[in-house]
């Protein structure tokens, strides 16, 4: 329950993307970065068979959840950010 930290999570459809979060005080200079962890989940983890068979959309079978912990954040401060890295942001 620290006020100077936050968990960031986002989802991608490929394992090639790095679990990374770039951030800073200026939108053109993201001077800090933090790496995180990646977990995989599949359609069968979140949908029953009927949803998979009868859904109007095609499901991408695997998704990757990226989770990053940012610490030592300054209170009452605006941060600018980008998930991913310079190649896949």
PDB file of N, CA and C in Angstrom:
ATOM      1  N   UNK A   1       0.813  -1.199   0.000  1.00  0.00           N
ATOM      2  CA  UNK A   1       0.000   0.000   0.000  1.00  0.00           C
ATOM      3  C   UNK A   1       0.854   1.259   0.000  1.00  0.00           C
ATOM      4  N   UNK A   2       1.875   1.256  -0.787  1.00  0.00           N
ATOM      5  CA  UNK A   2       2.733   2.435  -0.886  1.00  0.00           C
ATOM      6  C   UNK A   2       2.155   3.408  -1.896  1.00  0.00           C
ATOM      7  N   UNK A   3       2.257   4.690  -1.601  1.00  0.00           N
ATOM      8  CA  UNK A   3       1.734   5.724  -2.487  1.00  0.00           C
ATOM      9  C   UNK A   3       2.683   6.057  -3.628  1.00  0.00           C
ATOM     10  N   UNK A   4       3.911   5.543  -3.566  1.00  0.00           N
ATOM     11  CA  UNK A   4       4.905   5.871  -4.589  1.00  0.00           C
ATOM     12  C   UNK A   4       5.110   4.749  -5.597  1.00  0.00           C
ATOM     13  N   UNK A   5       4.156   3.834  -5.690  1.00  0.00           N
ATOM     14  CA  UNK A   5       4.300   2.737  -6.646  1.00  0.00           C
ATOM     15  C   UNK A   5       2.964   2.412  -7.293  1.00  0.00           C
ATOM     16  N   UNK A   6       3.064   1.782  -8.474  1.00  0.00           N
ATOM     17  CA  UNK A   6       1.870   1.380  -9.217  1.00  0.00           C
ATOM     18  C   UNK A   6       2.227   0.185 -10.100  1.00  0.00           C
ATOM     19  N   UNK A   7       1.271  -0.720 -10.275  1.00  0.00           N
ATOM     20  CA  UNK A   7       1.415  -1.811 -11.229  1.00  0.00           C
ATOM     21  C   UNK A   7       0.797  -1.382 -12.551  1.00  0.00           C
ATOM     22  N   UNK A   8       1.501  -1.634 -13.649  1.00  0.00           N
ATOM     23  CA  UNK A   8       1.025  -1.363 -15.002  1.00  0.00           C
ATOM     24  C   UNK A   8       0.865  -2.713 -15.697  1.00  0.00           C
ATOM     25  N   UNK A   9      -0.261  -2.929 -16.348  1.00  0.00           N
ATOM     26  CA  UNK A   9      -0.480  -4.165 -17.110  1.00  0.00           C
ATOM     27  C   UNK A   9      -1.016  -3.822 -18.486  1.00  0.00           C
ATOM     28  N   UNK A  10      -0.584  -4.590 -19.474  1.00  0.00           N
ATOM     29  CA  UNK A  10      -1.109  -4.454 -20.829  1.00  0.00           C
ATOM     30  C   UNK A  10      -0.993  -5.797 -21.528  1.00  0.00           C
ATOM     31  N   UNK A  11      -1.747  -5.961 -22.613  1.00  0.00           N
ATOM     32  CA  UNK A  11      -1.851  -7.242 -23.307  1.00  0.00           C
ATOM     33  C   UNK A  11      -1.346  -7.097 -24.735  1.00  0.00           C
ATOM     34  N   UNK A  12      -0.585  -8.095 -25.209  1.00  0.00           N
ATOM     35  CA  UNK A  12      -0.162  -8.160 -26.607  1.00  0.00           C
ATOM     36  C   UNK A  12      -0.520  -9.541 -27.152  1.00  0.00           C
ATOM     37  N   UNK A  13      -0.384  -9.707 -28.462  1.00  0.00           N
ATOM     38  CA  UNK A  13      -0.697 -11.000 -29.076  1.00  0.00           C
ATOM     39  C   UNK A  13       0.549 -11.742 -29.531  1.00  0.00           C
ATOM     40  N   UNK A  14       1.724 -11.321 -29.052  1.00  0.00           N
ATOM     41  CA  UNK A  14       2.963 -11.969 -29.468  1.00  0.00           C
ATOM     42  C   UNK A  14       3.958 -11.989 -28.318  1.00  0.00           C
ATOM     43  N   UNK A  15       4.714 -13.064 -28.224  1.00  0.00           N
ATOM     44  CA  UNK A  15       5.737 -13.171 -27.185  1.00  0.00           C
ATOM     45  C   UNK A  15       6.991 -12.382 -27.538  1.00  0.00           C
ATOM     46  N   UNK A  16       7.060 -11.851 -28.753  1.00  0.00           N
ATOM     47  CA  UNK A  16       8.265 -11.124 -29.157  1.00  0.00           C
ATOM     48  C   UNK A  16       8.373  -9.753 -28.498  1.00  0.00           C
ATOM     49  N   UNK A  17       7.271  -9.253 -27.924  1.00  0.00           N
ATOM     50  CA  UNK A  17       7.285  -7.923 -27.328  1.00  0.00           C
ATOM     51  C   UNK A  17       7.838  -7.967 -25.911  1.00  0.00           C
ATOM     52  N   UNK A  18       8.731  -7.056 -25.611  1.00  0.00           N
ATOM     53  CA  UNK A  18       9.361  -6.963 -24.306  1.00  0.00           C
ATOM     54  C   UNK A  18       8.394  -6.364 -23.294  1.00  0.00           C
ATOM     55  N   UNK A  19       8.403  -6.891 -22.079  1.00  0.00           N
ATOM     56  CA  UNK A  19       7.623  -6.288 -20.995  1.00  0.00           C
ATOM     57  C   UNK A  19       8.416  -5.094 -20.476  1.00  0.00           C
ATOM     58  N   UNK A  20       8.177  -3.965 -21.079  1.00  0.00           N
ATOM     59  CA  UNK A  20       8.930  -2.771 -20.693  1.00  0.00           C
ATOM     60  C   UNK A  20       8.008  -1.557 -20.707  1.00  0.00           C
ATOM     61  N   UNK A  21       8.292  -0.643 -19.816  1.00  0.00           N
ATOM     62  CA  UNK A  21       7.523   0.588 -19.671  1.00  0.00           C
ATOM     63  C   UNK A  21       8.526   1.723 -19.633  1.00  0.00           C
ATOM     64  N   UNK A  22       8.412   2.657 -20.550  1.00  0.00           N
ATOM     65  CA  UNK A  22       9.286   3.830 -20.578  1.00  0.00           C
ATOM     66  C   UNK A  22       8.481   5.014 -20.077  1.00  0.00           C
ATOM     67  N   UNK A  23       9.087   5.847 -19.245  1.00  0.00           N
ATOM     68  CA  UNK A  23       8.354   6.979 -18.689  1.00  0.00           C
ATOM     69  C   UNK A  23       9.303   8.119 -18.331  1.00  0.00           C
ATOM     70  N   UNK A  24       8.737   9.290 -18.145  1.00  0.00           N
ATOM     71  CA  UNK A  24       9.525  10.459 -17.795  1.00  0.00           C
ATOM     72  C   UNK A  24       8.629  11.658 -17.565  1.00  0.00           C
ATOM     73  N   UNK A  25       9.256  12.803 -17.361  1.00  0.00           N
ATOM     74  CA  UNK A  25       8.532  14.036 -17.059  1.00  0.00           C
ATOM     75  C   UNK A  25       8.225  14.851 -18.309  1.00  0.00           C
ATOM     76  N   UNK A  26       8.817  14.471 -19.434  1.00  0.00           N
ATOM     77  CA  UNK A  26       8.637  15.180 -20.701  1.00  0.00           C
ATOM     78  C   UNK A  26       8.198  14.158 -21.750  1.00  0.00           C
ATOM     79  N   UNK A  27       7.174  14.447 -22.548  1.00  0.00           N
ATOM     80  CA  UNK A  27       6.686  13.450 -23.506  1.00  0.00           C
ATOM     81  C   UNK A  27       7.696  13.091 -24.593  1.00  0.00           C
ATOM     82  N   UNK A  28       8.700  13.930 -24.804  1.00  0.00           N
ATOM     83  CA  UNK A  28       9.692  13.671 -25.848  1.00  0.00           C
ATOM     84  C   UNK A  28      10.985  13.081 -25.295  1.00  0.00           C
ATOM     85  N   UNK A  29      11.081  12.986 -23.978  1.00  0.00           N
ATOM     86  CA  UNK A  29      12.270  12.428 -23.340  1.00  0.00           C
ATOM     87  C   UNK A  29      11.823  11.459 -22.256  1.00  0.00           C
ATOM     88  N   UNK A  30      11.607  10.224 -22.627  1.00  0.00           N
ATOM     89  CA  UNK A  30      11.214   9.201 -21.659  1.00  0.00           C
ATOM     90  C   UNK A  30      12.494   8.604 -21.094  1.00  0.00           C
ATOM     91  N   UNK A  31      12.982   9.216 -20.025  1.00  0.00           N
ATOM     92  CA  UNK A  31      14.321   8.928 -19.526  1.00  0.00           C
ATOM     93  C   UNK A  31      14.429   7.701 -18.633  1.00  0.00           C
ATOM     94  N   UNK A  32      13.312   7.182 -18.154  1.00  0.00           N
ATOM     95  CA  UNK A  32      13.339   6.027 -17.265  1.00  0.00           C
ATOM     96  C   UNK A  32      12.676   4.833 -17.952  1.00  0.00           C
ATOM     97  N   UNK A  33      13.087   3.640 -17.562  1.00  0.00           N
ATOM     98  CA  UNK A  33      12.394   2.446 -18.044  1.00  0.00           C
ATOM     99  C   UNK A  33      12.421   1.384 -16.961  1.00  0.00           C
ATOM    100  N   UNK A  34      11.450   0.517 -17.025  1.00  0.00           N
ATOM    101  CA  UNK A  34      11.363  -0.583 -16.081  1.00  0.00           C
ATOM    102  C   UNK A  34      10.902  -1.820 -16.833  1.00  0.00           C
ATOM    103  N   UNK A  35      11.575  -2.931 -16.611  1.00  0.00           N
ATOM    104  CA  UNK A  35      11.173  -4.200 -17.204  1.00  0.00           C
ATOM    105  C   UNK A  35      10.227  -4.929 -16.260  1.00  0.00           C
ATOM    106  N   UNK A  36       9.435  -5.826 -16.804  1.00  0.00           N
ATOM    107  CA  UNK A  36       8.475  -6.571 -15.998  1.00  0.00           C
ATOM    108  C   UNK A  36       8.432  -8.029 -16.377  1.00  0.00           C
ATOM    109  N   UNK A  37       7.301  -8.646 -16.113  1.00  0.00           N
ATOM    110  CA  UNK A  37       7.117 -10.067 -16.382  1.00  0.00           C
ATOM    111  C   UNK A  37       6.027 -10.261 -17.434  1.00  0.00           C
ATOM    112  N   UNK A  38       6.033 -11.434 -18.056  1.00  0.00           N
ATOM    113  CA  UNK A  38       5.029 -11.781 -19.057  1.00  0.00           C
ATOM    114  C   UNK A  38       4.420 -13.129 -18.704  1.00  0.00           C
ATOM    115  N   UNK A  39       3.096 -13.193 -18.750  1.00  0.00           N
ATOM    116  CA  UNK A  39       2.373 -14.453 -18.561  1.00  0.00           C
ATOM    117  C   UNK A  39       1.526 -14.690 -19.799  1.00  0.00           C
ATOM    118  N   UNK A  40       1.366 -15.947 -20.176  1.00  0.00           N
ATOM    119  CA  UNK A  40       0.553 -16.291 -21.341  1.00  0.00           C
ATOM    120  C   UNK A  40      -0.797 -16.836 -20.871  1.00  0.00           C
ATOM    121  N   UNK A  41      -1.843 -16.489 -21.601  1.00  0.00           N
ATOM    122  CA  UNK A  41      -3.128 -17.147 -21.398  1.00  0.00           C
ATOM    123  C   UNK A  41      -3.736 -17.444 -22.758  1.00  0.00           C
ATOM    124  N   UNK A  42      -4.566 -18.466 -22.785  1.00  0.00           N
ATOM    125  CA  UNK A  42      -5.191 -18.894 -24.035  1.00  0.00           C
ATOM    126  C   UNK A  42      -6.698 -18.673 -23.960  1.00  0.00           C
ATOM    127  N   UNK A  43      -7.361 -18.810 -25.079  1.00  0.00           N
ATOM    128  CA  UNK A  43      -8.810 -18.648 -25.137  1.00  0.00           C
ATOM    129  C   UNK A  43      -9.500 -19.597 -24.167  1.00  0.00           C
ATOM    130  N   UNK A  44      -9.019 -20.814 -24.059  1.00  0.00           N
ATOM    131  CA  UNK A  44      -9.656 -21.783 -23.161  1.00  0.00           C
ATOM    132  C   UNK A  44      -9.528 -21.380 -21.695  1.00  0.00           C
ATOM    133  N   UNK A  45      -8.574 -20.510 -21.364  1.00  0.00           N
ATOM    134  CA  UNK A  45      -8.448 -20.014 -19.993  1.00  0.00           C
ATOM    135  C   UNK A  45      -9.563 -19.038 -19.635  1.00  0.00           C
ATOM    136  N   UNK A  46     -10.129 -18.353 -20.625  1.00  0.00           N
ATOM    137  CA  UNK A  46     -11.101 -17.290 -20.344  1.00  0.00           C
ATOM    138  C   UNK A  46     -12.474 -17.511 -20.967  1.00  0.00           C
ATOM    139  N   UNK A  47     -12.635 -18.490 -21.839  1.00  0.00           N
ATOM    140  CA  UNK A  47     -13.925 -18.727 -22.509  1.00  0.00           C
ATOM    141  C   UNK A  47     -14.311 -20.190 -22.408  1.00  0.00           C
ATOM    142  N   UNK A  48     -15.596 -20.404 -22.252  1.00  0.00           N
ATOM    143  CA  UNK A  48     -16.094 -21.768 -22.337  1.00  0.00           C
ATOM    144  C   UNK A  48     -16.193 -22.158 -23.804  1.00  0.00           C
ATOM    145  N   UNK A  49     -16.373 -23.418 -24.061  1.00  0.00           N
ATOM    146  CA  UNK A  49     -16.407 -23.915 -25.437  1.00  0.00           C
ATOM    147  C   UNK A  49     -17.464 -23.217 -26.281  1.00  0.00           C
ATOM    148  N   UNK A  50     -18.653 -22.948 -25.723  1.00  0.00           N
ATOM    149  CA  UNK A  50     -19.706 -22.293 -26.502  1.00  0.00           C
ATOM    150  C   UNK A  50     -19.273 -20.913 -26.984  1.00  0.00           C
ATOM    151  N   UNK A  51     -18.581 -20.183 -26.143  1.00  0.00           N
ATOM    152  CA  UNK A  51     -18.128 -18.847 -26.545  1.00  0.00           C
ATOM    153  C   UNK A  51     -17.123 -18.939 -27.683  1.00  0.00           C
ATOM    154  N   UNK A  52     -16.302 -19.935 -27.649  1.00  0.00           N
ATOM    155  CA  UNK A  52     -15.303 -20.100 -28.704  1.00  0.00           C
ATOM    156  C   UNK A  52     -15.976 -20.495 -30.019  1.00  0.00           C
ATOM    157  N   UNK A  53     -16.956 -21.403 -29.953  1.00  0.00           N
ATOM    158  CA  UNK A  53     -17.596 -21.906 -31.164  1.00  0.00           C
ATOM    159  C   UNK A  53     -18.620 -20.946 -31.754  1.00  0.00           C
ATOM    160  N   UNK A  54     -19.357 -20.233 -30.910  1.00  0.00           N
ATOM    161  CA  UNK A  54     -20.478 -19.437 -31.393  1.00  0.00           C
ATOM    162  C   UNK A  54     -20.186 -17.949 -31.473  1.00  0.00           C
ATOM    163  N   UNK A  55     -19.054 -17.513 -31.011  1.00  0.00           N
ATOM    164  CA  UNK A  55     -18.756 -16.082 -31.030  1.00  0.00           C
ATOM    165  C   UNK A  55     -18.641 -15.554 -32.445  1.00  0.00           C
ATOM    166  N   UNK A  56     -19.032 -14.299 -32.636  1.00  0.00           N
ATOM    167  CA  UNK A  56     -18.994 -13.682 -33.968  1.00  0.00           C
ATOM    168  C   UNK A  56     -17.575 -13.366 -34.408  1.00  0.00           C
ATOM    169  N   UNK A  57     -16.688 -13.192 -33.456  1.00  0.00           N
ATOM    170  CA  UNK A  57     -15.313 -12.837 -33.798  1.00  0.00           C
ATOM    171  C   UNK A  57     -14.433 -14.076 -33.797  1.00  0.00           C
ATOM    172  N   UNK A  58     -13.354 -13.974 -34.514  1.00  0.00           N
ATOM    173  CA  UNK A  58     -12.326 -15.007 -34.448  1.00  0.00           C
ATOM    174  C   UNK A  58     -11.427 -14.677 -33.263  1.00  0.00           C
ATOM    175  N   UNK A  59     -11.157 -15.659 -32.426  1.00  0.00           N
ATOM    176  CA  UNK A  59     -10.302 -15.446 -31.275  1.00  0.00           C
ATOM    177  C   UNK A  59      -8.855 -15.733 -31.642  1.00  0.00           C
ATOM    178  N   UNK A  60      -7.959 -14.910 -31.157  1.00  0.00           N
ATOM    179  CA  UNK A  60      -6.537 -15.229 -31.220  1.00  0.00           C
ATOM    180  C   UNK A  60      -6.278 -16.106 -30.011  1.00  0.00           C
ATOM    181  N   UNK A  61      -5.774 -17.295 -30.239  1.00  0.00           N
ATOM    182  CA  UNK A  61      -5.709 -18.278 -29.172  1.00  0.00           C
ATOM    183  C   UNK A  61      -4.840 -17.842 -28.001  1.00  0.00           C
ATOM    184  N   UNK A  62      -3.719 -17.218 -28.241  1.00  0.00           N
ATOM    185  CA  UNK A  62      -2.812 -16.878 -27.150  1.00  0.00           C
ATOM    186  C   UNK A  62      -2.677 -15.371 -27.001  1.00  0.00           C
ATOM    187  N   UNK A  63      -2.642 -14.935 -25.779  1.00  0.00           N
ATOM    188  CA  UNK A  63      -2.397 -13.535 -25.442  1.00  0.00           C
ATOM    189  C   UNK A  63      -1.321 -13.502 -24.364  1.00  0.00           C
ATOM    190  N   UNK A  64      -0.622 -12.396 -24.295  1.00  0.00           N
ATOM    191  CA  UNK A  64       0.464 -12.244 -23.342  1.00  0.00           C
ATOM    192  C   UNK A  64       0.177 -11.038 -22.454  1.00  0.00           C
ATOM    193  N   UNK A  65       0.107 -11.263 -21.148  1.00  0.00           N
ATOM    194  CA  UNK A  65      -0.137 -10.195 -20.187  1.00  0.00           C
ATOM    195  C   UNK A  65       1.212  -9.750 -19.634  1.00  0.00           C
ATOM    196  N   UNK A  66       1.525  -8.492 -19.834  1.00  0.00           N
ATOM    197  CA  UNK A  66       2.767  -7.902 -19.346  1.00  0.00           C
ATOM    198  C   UNK A  66       2.449  -7.097 -18.087  1.00  0.00           C
ATOM    199  N   UNK A  67       3.204  -7.313 -17.031  1.00  0.00           N
ATOM    200  CA  UNK A  67       2.988  -6.613 -15.767  1.00  0.00           C
ATOM    201  C   UNK A  67       4.306  -6.017 -15.293  1.00  0.00           C
ATOM    202  N   UNK A  68       4.247  -4.749 -14.913  1.00  0.00           N
ATOM    203  CA  UNK A  68       5.443  -4.012 -14.519  1.00  0.00           C
ATOM    204  C   UNK A  68       5.130  -3.241 -13.246  1.00  0.00           C
ATOM    205  N   UNK A  69       6.050  -3.254 -12.289  1.00  0.00           N
ATOM    206  CA  UNK A  69       5.913  -2.478 -11.062  1.00  0.00           C
ATOM    207  C   UNK A  69       6.805  -1.249 -11.159  1.00  0.00           C
ATOM    208  N   UNK A  70       6.197  -0.073 -11.047  1.00  0.00           N
ATOM    209  CA  UNK A  70       6.955   1.176 -10.993  1.00  0.00           C
ATOM    210  C   UNK A  70       7.018   1.623  -9.543  1.00  0.00           C
ATOM    211  N   UNK A  71       8.211   1.993  -9.094  1.00  0.00           N
ATOM    212  CA  UNK A  71       8.403   2.408  -7.707  1.00  0.00           C
ATOM    213  C   UNK A  71       9.083   3.769  -7.651  1.00  0.00           C
ATOM    214  N   UNK A  72       9.077   4.340  -6.464  1.00  0.00           N
ATOM    215  CA  UNK A  72       9.732   5.627  -6.202  1.00  0.00           C
ATOM    216  C   UNK A  72       9.170   6.748  -7.071  1.00  0.00           C
ATOM    217  N   UNK A  73       7.870   6.703  -7.333  1.00  0.00           N
ATOM    218  CA  UNK A  73       7.216   7.767  -8.097  1.00  0.00           C
ATOM    219  C   UNK A  73       6.992   8.980  -7.200  1.00  0.00           C
ATOM    220  N   UNK A  74       7.034  10.149  -7.794  1.00  0.00           N
ATOM    221  CA  UNK A  74       6.834  11.392  -7.047  1.00  0.00           C
ATOM    222  C   UNK A  74       5.344  11.720  -6.971  1.00  0.00           C
ATOM    223  N   UNK A  75       4.848  12.081  -5.796  1.00  0.00           N
ATOM    224  CA  UNK A  75       3.431  12.443  -5.690  1.00  0.00           C
ATOM    225  C   UNK A  75       3.131  13.747  -6.424  1.00  0.00           C
ATOM    226  N   UNK A  76       1.898  13.886  -6.871  1.00  0.00           N
ATOM    227  CA  UNK A  76       1.418  15.106  -7.548  1.00  0.00           C
ATOM    228  C   UNK A  76       2.294  15.484  -8.738  1.00  0.00           C
ATOM    229  N   UNK A  77       2.776  14.485  -9.464  1.00  0.00           N
ATOM    230  CA  UNK A  77       3.660  14.705 -10.607  1.00  0.00           C
ATOM    231  C   UNK A  77       3.037  14.082 -11.847  1.00  0.00           C
ATOM    232  N   UNK A  78       3.090  14.793 -12.963  1.00  0.00           N
ATOM    233  CA  UNK A  78       2.609  14.255 -14.231  1.00  0.00           C
ATOM    234  C   UNK A  78       3.725  13.454 -14.890  1.00  0.00           C
ATOM    235  N   UNK A  79       3.421  12.221 -15.270  1.00  0.00           N
ATOM    236  CA  UNK A  79       4.358  11.368 -15.986  1.00  0.00           C
ATOM    237  C   UNK A  79       3.813  11.105 -17.387  1.00  0.00           C
ATOM    238  N   UNK A  80       4.718  11.021 -18.348  1.00  0.00           N
ATOM    239  CA  UNK A  80       4.389  10.615 -19.710  1.00  0.00           C
ATOM    240  C   UNK A  80       4.981   9.229 -19.896  1.00  0.00           C
ATOM    241  N   UNK A  81       4.336   8.395 -20.725  1.00  0.00           N
ATOM    242  CA  UNK A  81       4.777   7.007 -20.790  1.00  0.00           C
ATOM    243  C   UNK A  81       4.542   6.389 -22.158  1.00  0.00           C
ATOM    244  N   UNK A  82       5.182   5.244 -22.329  1.00  0.00           N
ATOM    245  CA  UNK A  82       4.993   4.388 -23.499  1.00  0.00           C
ATOM    246  C   UNK A  82       5.187   2.961 -23.027  1.00  0.00           C
ATOM    247  N   UNK A  83       4.261   2.074 -23.366  1.00  0.00           N
ATOM    248  CA  UNK A  83       4.480   0.665 -23.059  1.00  0.00           C
ATOM    249  C   UNK A  83       5.261   0.051 -24.206  1.00  0.00           C
ATOM    250  N   UNK A  84       6.077  -0.920 -23.877  1.00  0.00           N
ATOM    251  CA  UNK A  84       6.942  -1.519 -24.883  1.00  0.00           C
ATOM    252  C   UNK A  84       8.261  -0.770 -24.955  1.00  0.00           C
ATOM    253  N   UNK A  85       9.000  -1.017 -26.024  1.00  0.00           N
ATOM    254  CA  UNK A  85      10.285  -0.348 -26.194  1.00  0.00           C
ATOM    255  C   UNK A  85      10.244   0.490 -27.472  1.00  0.00           C
ATOM    256  N   UNK A  86      11.385   1.024 -27.882  1.00  0.00           N
ATOM    257  CA  UNK A  86      11.409   1.879 -29.075  1.00  0.00           C
ATOM    258  C   UNK A  86      11.018   1.126 -30.342  1.00  0.00           C
ATOM    259  N   UNK A  87      11.279  -0.173 -30.399  1.00  0.00           N
ATOM    260  CA  UNK A  87      10.921  -0.969 -31.573  1.00  0.00           C
ATOM    261  C   UNK A  87       9.455  -1.385 -31.573  1.00  0.00           C
ATOM    262  N   UNK A  88       8.924  -1.682 -30.412  1.00  0.00           N
ATOM    263  CA  UNK A  88       7.544  -2.168 -30.289  1.00  0.00           C
ATOM    264  C   UNK A  88       6.807  -1.385 -29.215  1.00  0.00           C
ATOM    265  N   UNK A  89       6.680  -0.079 -29.403  1.00  0.00           N
ATOM    266  CA  UNK A  89       6.007   0.748 -28.395  1.00  0.00           C
ATOM    267  C   UNK A  89       4.628   1.122 -28.813  1.00  0.00           C
TER     268      UNK A  89
END
